[in-house]
Protein backbone atom coordinates (compact mmCIF):
# COMPACT_ATOMS: atom_id res chain seq x y z
CA MET A 1 -24.51 -17.79 12.28
CA GLU A 2 -21.41 -20.01 12.35
CA ARG A 3 -19.00 -18.42 9.91
CA LYS A 4 -17.04 -20.62 7.48
CA PHE A 5 -13.37 -20.33 6.94
CA ASN A 6 -12.99 -18.69 3.66
CA PHE A 7 -9.84 -19.65 1.74
CA ASN A 8 -11.06 -18.09 -1.46
CA PRO A 9 -8.33 -16.10 -3.38
CA GLY A 10 -10.57 -13.10 -3.92
CA PRO A 11 -12.90 -11.62 -3.12
CA ALA A 12 -11.56 -12.75 0.16
CA THR A 13 -12.43 -12.83 3.82
CA LEU A 14 -12.97 -9.47 5.62
CA PRO A 15 -12.31 -8.97 9.34
CA LEU A 16 -15.49 -9.88 11.37
CA GLU A 17 -15.18 -6.52 13.30
CA VAL A 18 -15.38 -4.68 10.02
CA LEU A 19 -18.43 -6.59 8.84
CA VAL A 20 -20.22 -5.78 12.15
CA GLU A 21 -19.40 -2.07 11.79
CA LEU A 22 -20.69 -2.23 8.14
CA GLN A 23 -23.84 -3.79 9.26
CA LYS A 24 -24.68 -0.85 11.49
CA ASN A 25 -23.74 1.90 8.93
CA VAL A 26 -25.40 0.36 5.95
CA VAL A 27 -28.65 1.65 7.47
CA ASP A 28 -27.46 4.82 9.27
CA PHE A 29 -24.04 6.29 8.58
CA ASN A 30 -22.66 8.24 11.51
CA SER A 31 -26.18 8.89 12.70
CA ILE A 32 -26.96 11.16 9.72
CA GLY A 33 -30.18 9.33 8.86
CA MET A 34 -28.82 7.99 5.52
CA SER A 35 -26.94 4.87 4.63
CA VAL A 36 -23.35 5.04 3.62
CA LEU A 37 -24.55 3.69 0.36
CA GLU A 38 -26.66 6.82 -0.22
CA ILE A 39 -24.46 9.69 0.72
CA SER A 40 -23.17 12.10 -1.92
CA HIS A 41 -19.52 11.83 -2.89
CA ARG A 42 -19.58 15.64 -2.76
CA SER A 43 -20.82 15.72 0.81
CA LYS A 44 -18.68 16.89 3.64
CA GLY A 45 -19.14 13.53 5.38
CA PHE A 46 -17.68 11.58 2.48
CA GLN A 47 -14.86 13.94 1.80
CA GLU A 48 -13.73 13.65 5.40
CA LEU A 49 -14.02 9.85 5.06
CA LEU A 50 -11.91 9.92 1.89
CA ASN A 51 -9.17 12.10 3.38
CA THR A 52 -9.06 10.03 6.56
CA THR A 53 -8.62 6.84 4.47
CA LYS A 54 -5.67 8.44 2.61
CA LEU A 55 -4.13 9.48 5.87
CA LEU A 56 -4.39 6.07 7.33
CA LEU A 57 -2.80 4.44 4.41
CA ARG A 58 -0.09 7.05 4.33
CA GLU A 59 0.61 6.38 7.93
CA LEU A 60 0.48 2.50 7.85
CA MET A 61 2.76 2.26 4.76
CA VAL A 62 4.91 5.23 5.61
CA ILE A 63 4.08 6.97 2.29
CA SER A 64 5.98 10.39 1.92
CA GLU A 65 4.46 13.60 0.49
CA ASP A 66 6.19 12.83 -2.85
CA TYR A 67 3.44 10.35 -3.56
CA GLU A 68 -0.30 10.75 -4.26
CA ILE A 69 -2.78 8.16 -3.13
CA LEU A 70 -5.69 7.52 -5.62
CA PHE A 71 -8.84 5.56 -5.43
CA LEU A 72 -9.88 4.39 -8.83
CA GLY A 73 -12.25 2.05 -10.61
CA GLY A 74 -11.54 -0.59 -13.22
CA GLY A 75 -9.58 -3.01 -11.00
CA ALA A 76 -5.91 -3.80 -11.37
CA SER A 77 -6.68 -4.80 -14.94
CA LEU A 78 -7.26 -1.22 -15.97
CA GLN A 79 -3.86 -0.33 -14.50
CA PHE A 80 -2.26 -2.75 -16.91
CA ALA A 81 -3.17 -0.15 -19.61
CA MET A 82 -3.03 3.09 -17.60
CA ILE A 83 0.53 2.55 -16.53
CA PRO A 84 2.08 2.46 -20.11
CA MET A 85 -0.25 5.18 -21.30
CA ASN A 86 0.74 7.55 -18.57
CA ILE A 87 4.43 6.96 -17.88
CA GLY A 88 5.93 5.39 -21.12
CA GLY A 89 5.56 2.44 -23.42
CA LYS A 90 9.14 1.14 -23.60
CA ALA A 91 9.33 -0.74 -20.34
CA ASP A 92 10.87 -3.84 -18.70
CA TYR A 93 8.54 -6.66 -17.54
CA ILE A 94 9.37 -9.47 -15.27
CA ILE A 95 6.97 -12.40 -15.89
CA THR A 96 6.18 -14.58 -12.86
CA GLY A 97 2.60 -15.73 -13.50
CA ALA A 98 -0.69 -15.18 -15.17
CA TRP A 99 -1.23 -11.51 -13.86
CA SER A 100 2.15 -10.27 -15.02
CA LYS A 101 1.45 -11.88 -18.47
CA LYS A 102 -1.82 -9.98 -18.69
CA ALA A 103 -0.09 -6.75 -17.72
CA LEU A 104 2.47 -7.42 -20.53
CA LYS A 105 -0.32 -8.08 -23.03
CA GLU A 106 -1.86 -4.68 -22.45
CA ALA A 107 1.55 -2.98 -22.53
CA LYS A 108 2.20 -4.45 -25.98
CA ILE A 109 -0.98 -2.78 -27.29
CA ILE A 110 0.30 0.67 -26.19
CA GLY A 111 4.06 0.50 -26.37
CA ASN A 112 7.09 -1.71 -26.87
CA PRO A 113 7.80 -3.64 -23.57
CA VAL A 114 10.61 -6.05 -23.20
CA VAL A 115 10.56 -9.31 -21.13
CA ILE A 116 13.70 -9.18 -19.06
CA ALA A 117 13.13 -12.29 -16.91
CA THR A 118 10.67 -15.07 -16.61
CA THR A 119 10.30 -18.49 -14.96
CA GLU A 120 7.50 -19.76 -17.23
CA GLU A 121 9.58 -22.74 -18.46
CA GLU A 122 9.68 -23.94 -14.85
CA LYS A 123 5.91 -23.44 -14.55
CA PHE A 124 6.37 -20.37 -12.48
CA ARG A 125 7.57 -22.31 -9.41
CA ARG A 126 10.03 -19.63 -8.36
CA ILE A 127 10.91 -15.94 -8.56
CA PRO A 128 13.74 -15.04 -10.86
CA LYS A 129 17.17 -14.67 -9.19
CA PRO A 130 18.83 -11.32 -9.39
CA GLU A 131 21.58 -12.50 -11.73
CA GLU A 132 18.87 -13.63 -14.25
CA ILE A 133 17.34 -10.07 -14.61
CA LYS A 134 18.86 -7.95 -17.31
CA PHE A 135 17.52 -4.45 -17.13
CA SER A 136 17.30 -2.24 -20.21
CA ARG A 137 19.23 1.00 -20.10
CA ASP A 138 16.49 3.00 -21.65
CA ALA A 139 13.30 1.53 -20.01
CA THR A 140 10.69 4.02 -18.86
CA TYR A 141 9.81 1.75 -15.91
CA VAL A 142 10.26 -1.84 -14.63
CA HIS A 143 7.04 -3.80 -13.87
CA LEU A 144 6.60 -6.81 -11.62
CA THR A 145 3.80 -8.59 -9.75
CA SER A 146 4.78 -8.81 -6.05
CA ASN A 147 2.65 -11.97 -5.21
CA ASN A 148 1.22 -14.47 -7.50
CA THR A 149 -2.10 -15.85 -6.45
CA ILE A 150 -2.28 -18.73 -8.90
CA PHE A 151 1.22 -20.18 -8.53
CA GLY A 152 1.84 -19.32 -5.01
CA THR A 153 5.03 -17.37 -5.34
CA GLN A 154 6.11 -14.01 -3.79
CA TRP A 155 9.07 -11.65 -4.03
CA SER A 156 10.89 -11.76 -0.70
CA THR A 157 13.09 -8.77 -1.71
CA PHE A 158 12.67 -6.38 -4.61
CA PRO A 159 15.21 -5.74 -7.33
CA GLU A 160 17.13 -2.32 -7.40
CA THR A 161 16.15 -0.47 -10.49
CA SER A 162 17.07 3.18 -9.68
CA PRO A 163 16.96 5.52 -11.50
CA ILE A 164 14.32 3.58 -13.57
CA PRO A 165 10.98 3.65 -11.59
CA LEU A 166 9.87 0.28 -10.27
CA VAL A 167 6.13 -0.38 -10.72
CA ALA A 168 4.45 -3.23 -8.74
CA ASP A 169 1.08 -4.87 -8.83
CA MET A 170 0.50 -5.52 -5.08
CA SER A 171 -3.08 -6.61 -5.35
CA SER A 172 -2.63 -9.78 -3.26
CA ASP A 173 -0.02 -8.75 -0.67
CA ILE A 174 -0.40 -5.01 0.04
CA LEU A 175 -0.24 -4.36 3.72
CA SER A 176 0.87 -7.86 4.43
CA ARG A 177 4.40 -6.90 5.22
CA LYS A 178 6.65 -3.84 5.55
CA VAL A 179 7.63 -2.40 2.24
CA ALA A 180 9.85 0.63 1.48
CA VAL A 181 7.52 2.61 -0.69
CA GLY A 182 10.38 4.89 -1.67
CA LYS A 183 11.93 2.05 -3.75
CA PHE A 184 8.80 2.31 -6.14
CA GLY A 185 7.58 4.78 -8.67
CA LEU A 186 4.10 3.36 -8.59
CA ILE A 187 2.25 0.71 -6.52
CA TYR A 188 -1.29 -0.44 -7.47
CA ALA A 189 -3.64 -2.92 -5.82
CA GLY A 190 -7.19 -4.11 -6.34
CA ALA A 191 -8.80 -4.00 -2.95
CA GLN A 192 -10.54 -7.36 -2.87
CA LYS A 193 -7.91 -9.39 -1.14
CA ASN A 194 -6.23 -7.32 1.56
CA LEU A 195 -7.89 -3.89 1.53
CA GLY A 196 -11.63 -4.28 1.20
CA PRO A 197 -14.34 -5.37 -1.31
CA ALA A 198 -14.12 -5.46 -5.06
CA GLY A 199 -14.91 -2.11 -6.73
CA VAL A 200 -11.91 0.05 -5.78
CA THR A 201 -8.19 0.11 -6.74
CA VAL A 202 -5.58 1.95 -4.73
CA VAL A 203 -2.82 3.59 -6.74
CA ILE A 204 0.24 5.03 -5.02
CA ILE A 205 2.17 7.07 -7.48
CA ARG A 206 5.19 9.33 -7.27
CA LYS A 207 3.83 12.77 -8.22
CA ASP A 208 6.57 13.47 -10.84
CA LEU A 209 5.66 10.40 -12.76
CA ALA A 210 2.05 11.60 -13.20
CA GLU A 211 3.45 14.64 -15.07
CA ARG A 212 4.80 12.50 -17.85
CA CYS A 213 1.39 11.83 -19.23
CA PRO A 214 0.91 12.81 -22.88
CA GLU A 215 -1.88 15.11 -23.91
CA THR A 216 -3.14 12.33 -26.19
CA VAL A 217 -4.32 10.18 -23.22
CA PRO A 218 -8.09 10.59 -22.52
CA THR A 219 -8.79 12.74 -19.54
CA MET A 220 -10.35 9.88 -17.50
CA LEU A 221 -7.28 7.67 -17.99
CA ARG A 222 -4.76 10.31 -16.70
CA TYR A 223 -3.34 9.88 -13.20
CA LYS A 224 -2.91 13.75 -13.17
CA THR A 225 -6.60 14.17 -13.63
CA HIS A 226 -7.41 12.13 -10.56
CA MET A 227 -4.51 13.75 -8.51
CA GLU A 228 -5.90 17.20 -9.17
CA GLU A 229 -9.46 16.16 -8.27
CA ASN A 230 -8.57 14.17 -5.22
CA SER A 231 -10.04 11.03 -6.75
CA LEU A 232 -13.32 12.88 -7.20
CA TYR A 233 -13.13 13.54 -10.97
CA ASN A 234 -16.02 11.22 -11.36
CA THR A 235 -18.31 9.45 -8.82
CA PRO A 236 -15.88 7.22 -6.89
CA PRO A 237 -16.81 3.81 -5.34
CA VAL A 238 -18.00 5.38 -2.11
CA PHE A 239 -18.96 2.21 -0.27
CA ALA A 240 -15.76 0.30 -1.18
CA ILE A 241 -13.63 3.23 0.00
CA TYR A 242 -15.52 3.28 3.20
CA VAL A 243 -14.77 -0.41 3.71
CA VAL A 244 -11.06 0.22 3.05
CA LYS A 245 -11.13 2.91 5.80
CA LEU A 246 -12.54 0.37 8.25
CA VAL A 247 -9.97 -2.28 7.20
CA LEU A 248 -7.09 0.19 7.62
CA GLU A 249 -8.40 1.07 11.16
CA TRP A 250 -8.47 -2.70 11.92
CA VAL A 251 -4.85 -3.05 10.68
CA LYS A 252 -3.78 -0.21 12.95
CA ARG A 253 -5.52 -1.84 15.99
CA LYS A 254 -3.53 -5.10 15.08
CA GLY A 255 -0.24 -3.26 15.52
CA GLY A 256 0.00 -1.83 12.06
CA VAL A 257 1.79 -3.49 9.19
CA GLU A 258 4.49 -4.81 11.44
CA GLY A 259 1.91 -6.56 13.65
CA ILE A 260 0.07 -8.03 10.65
CA GLU A 261 3.34 -9.24 9.16
CA LYS A 262 4.14 -11.20 12.37
CA ILE A 263 0.73 -12.83 12.24
CA ASN A 264 1.06 -13.64 8.57
CA ARG A 265 4.61 -15.25 9.05
CA LYS A 266 3.16 -17.40 11.86
CA LYS A 267 0.21 -18.52 9.78
CA GLY A 268 2.37 -19.28 6.64
CA GLY A 269 4.94 -21.04 8.75
CA LEU A 270 2.46 -23.23 10.36
CA LEU A 271 0.93 -24.34 7.04
CA TYR A 272 4.17 -24.85 5.20
CA GLN A 273 5.51 -26.87 8.14
CA ALA A 274 2.52 -29.24 7.84
CA ILE A 275 3.31 -29.70 4.18
CA ASP A 276 7.03 -30.29 4.69
CA GLU A 277 6.60 -32.64 7.56
CA SER A 278 3.98 -34.87 5.75
CA SER A 279 6.67 -37.28 4.46
CA GLY A 280 5.81 -36.45 0.80
CA PHE A 281 2.00 -36.85 1.11
CA TYR A 282 1.66 -33.11 0.54
CA ARG A 283 4.18 -31.39 -1.70
CA SER A 284 4.68 -27.62 -2.19
CA THR A 285 4.49 -26.46 -5.87
CA VAL A 286 6.97 -23.64 -5.10
CA ASP A 287 10.67 -23.46 -4.34
CA ALA A 288 11.33 -22.69 -0.66
CA ASP A 289 12.82 -19.24 -1.24
CA SER A 290 9.86 -18.15 -3.35
CA ARG A 291 6.95 -19.18 -1.12
CA SER A 292 4.00 -16.88 -0.77
CA LEU A 293 2.62 -16.01 2.71
CA MET A 294 -0.69 -15.11 1.07
CA ASN A 295 -1.45 -18.13 -1.25
CA VAL A 296 -0.10 -21.52 -0.25
CA THR A 297 -0.27 -24.04 -3.13
CA PHE A 298 0.29 -27.73 -2.84
CA ARG A 299 -0.46 -31.13 -4.35
CA LEU A 300 -1.41 -34.63 -3.04
CA PRO A 301 -0.30 -37.94 -4.47
CA ASP A 302 -3.02 -37.94 -7.13
CA GLU A 303 -6.02 -35.88 -8.43
CA ASP A 304 -8.67 -38.21 -7.02
CA LEU A 305 -7.18 -37.66 -3.50
CA GLU A 306 -7.14 -33.97 -4.17
CA GLN A 307 -10.79 -33.93 -5.07
CA ARG A 308 -11.67 -35.91 -1.91
CA PHE A 309 -9.50 -33.63 0.27
CA ILE A 310 -11.37 -30.60 -1.10
CA GLN A 311 -14.84 -32.15 -0.57
CA GLU A 312 -14.11 -33.34 2.93
CA ALA A 313 -12.57 -29.96 3.97
CA THR A 314 -15.61 -28.13 2.48
CA ALA A 315 -17.91 -30.34 4.59
CA LEU A 316 -15.92 -29.28 7.70
CA GLY A 317 -16.36 -25.52 6.96
CA LEU A 318 -13.03 -25.07 5.11
CA HIS A 319 -14.17 -23.37 1.93
CA GLY A 320 -12.36 -22.24 -1.25
CA LEU A 321 -9.40 -24.69 -1.22
CA LYS A 322 -9.62 -25.75 -4.86
CA GLY A 323 -6.63 -24.67 -6.91
CA HIS A 324 -6.94 -22.42 -9.88
CA ARG A 325 -8.53 -24.23 -12.84
CA SER A 326 -5.33 -23.64 -14.89
CA VAL A 327 -3.01 -25.50 -12.49
CA GLY A 328 -5.26 -27.75 -10.29
CA GLY A 329 -4.18 -28.92 -6.88
CA VAL A 330 -5.00 -27.19 -3.58
CA ARG A 331 -4.61 -23.46 -2.76
CA ALA A 332 -5.10 -21.99 0.72
CA SER A 333 -5.41 -18.12 0.47
CA ILE A 334 -4.57 -16.73 3.91
CA TYR A 335 -4.72 -13.00 3.53
CA ASN A 336 -4.34 -10.48 6.41
CA ALA A 337 -7.92 -10.97 7.64
CA PHE A 338 -7.84 -14.75 7.53
CA PRO A 339 -7.85 -15.93 11.16
CA MET A 340 -5.21 -18.12 12.75
CA GLU A 341 -7.95 -20.49 13.92
CA GLY A 342 -8.69 -21.36 10.34
CA VAL A 343 -5.11 -22.29 9.57
CA GLU A 344 -4.97 -24.46 12.66
CA ARG A 345 -8.15 -26.09 11.66
CA LEU A 346 -6.84 -26.76 8.13
CA VAL A 347 -3.45 -28.15 9.48
CA GLY A 348 -5.42 -30.48 11.81
CA PHE A 349 -7.54 -31.77 9.00
CA MET A 350 -4.42 -32.25 6.75
CA LYS A 351 -2.79 -34.48 9.35
CA GLU A 352 -5.97 -36.52 9.76
CA PHE A 353 -6.53 -36.92 6.06
CA ALA A 354 -2.88 -37.88 5.46
CA LYS A 355 -3.07 -40.47 8.19
CA ALA A 356 -6.29 -42.02 6.78
CA ASN A 357 -5.17 -42.03 3.13
CA ARG A 358 -1.56 -43.07 2.93
């Protein structure tokens, strides 16, 4: 089978090595005579798998023992509600796109959040500057979205919020670059972009924050519940966690987060260079200092050309380049597992298409 280059924003491409390993263990996991899809979450084999996965993530992201790592269901969207329910409702929110707006919407149901910075009037083409962010003195936490899949922006550095905990939705750029976990009170990420398949959400929470949870919060929605039960309070997404383990092992073989970051910067640099050197045929939708290395968004001279561009690219095996329906244009999602060859193929096509359609 000839694999297509998958530029979809999520669920996204997985490393081929991981898929080959999965193919083997879907039928017989570790030669035990059962599929990884069939084993009990209470079995010794799965508990070893779960603990190994936690240790790998702790090692790769340099997570101290002050933090607990949880594997939960419900996607990042459930975290929009669990966070204010567990650690307080009077929080500061920085709005940089659709996902931070959805997080704010849930927080409003539960508490009294405040928007302390937004670039919505500029169609989210940049990240707010430090001088534009006015923190509340009595906030229980500060929330931001580290990378914006729809608008193609990304925080290059994170604001200093201490002693107020910083909470980040890193669903679309976790493990893509080195991050000082100690700057955050809580990090959460849906797996389906950089960590594995849809179905599991990783939560990295400072242990003292989990103790804030009021007794009025339902048991299943308390971080403390899942900490005490090692993410086994209910049946966890066994298969998805197994894939996360394989992806983490792949990241380690690639030189860890530092090695992955070098590759990501090279991929992103190559694609942005093609946009910037096209003499205006392609134009980035994002200010240069806010550009995402995960989701590269751009426009062509008109929508008819954009449609032709996407159709011709698809015919060449370059799939998933259509921009989000709310903004249009073109979007190339080049997460950790996306191969350099695919970026090179796209850049080559971009040059030929521009030459033929000026």
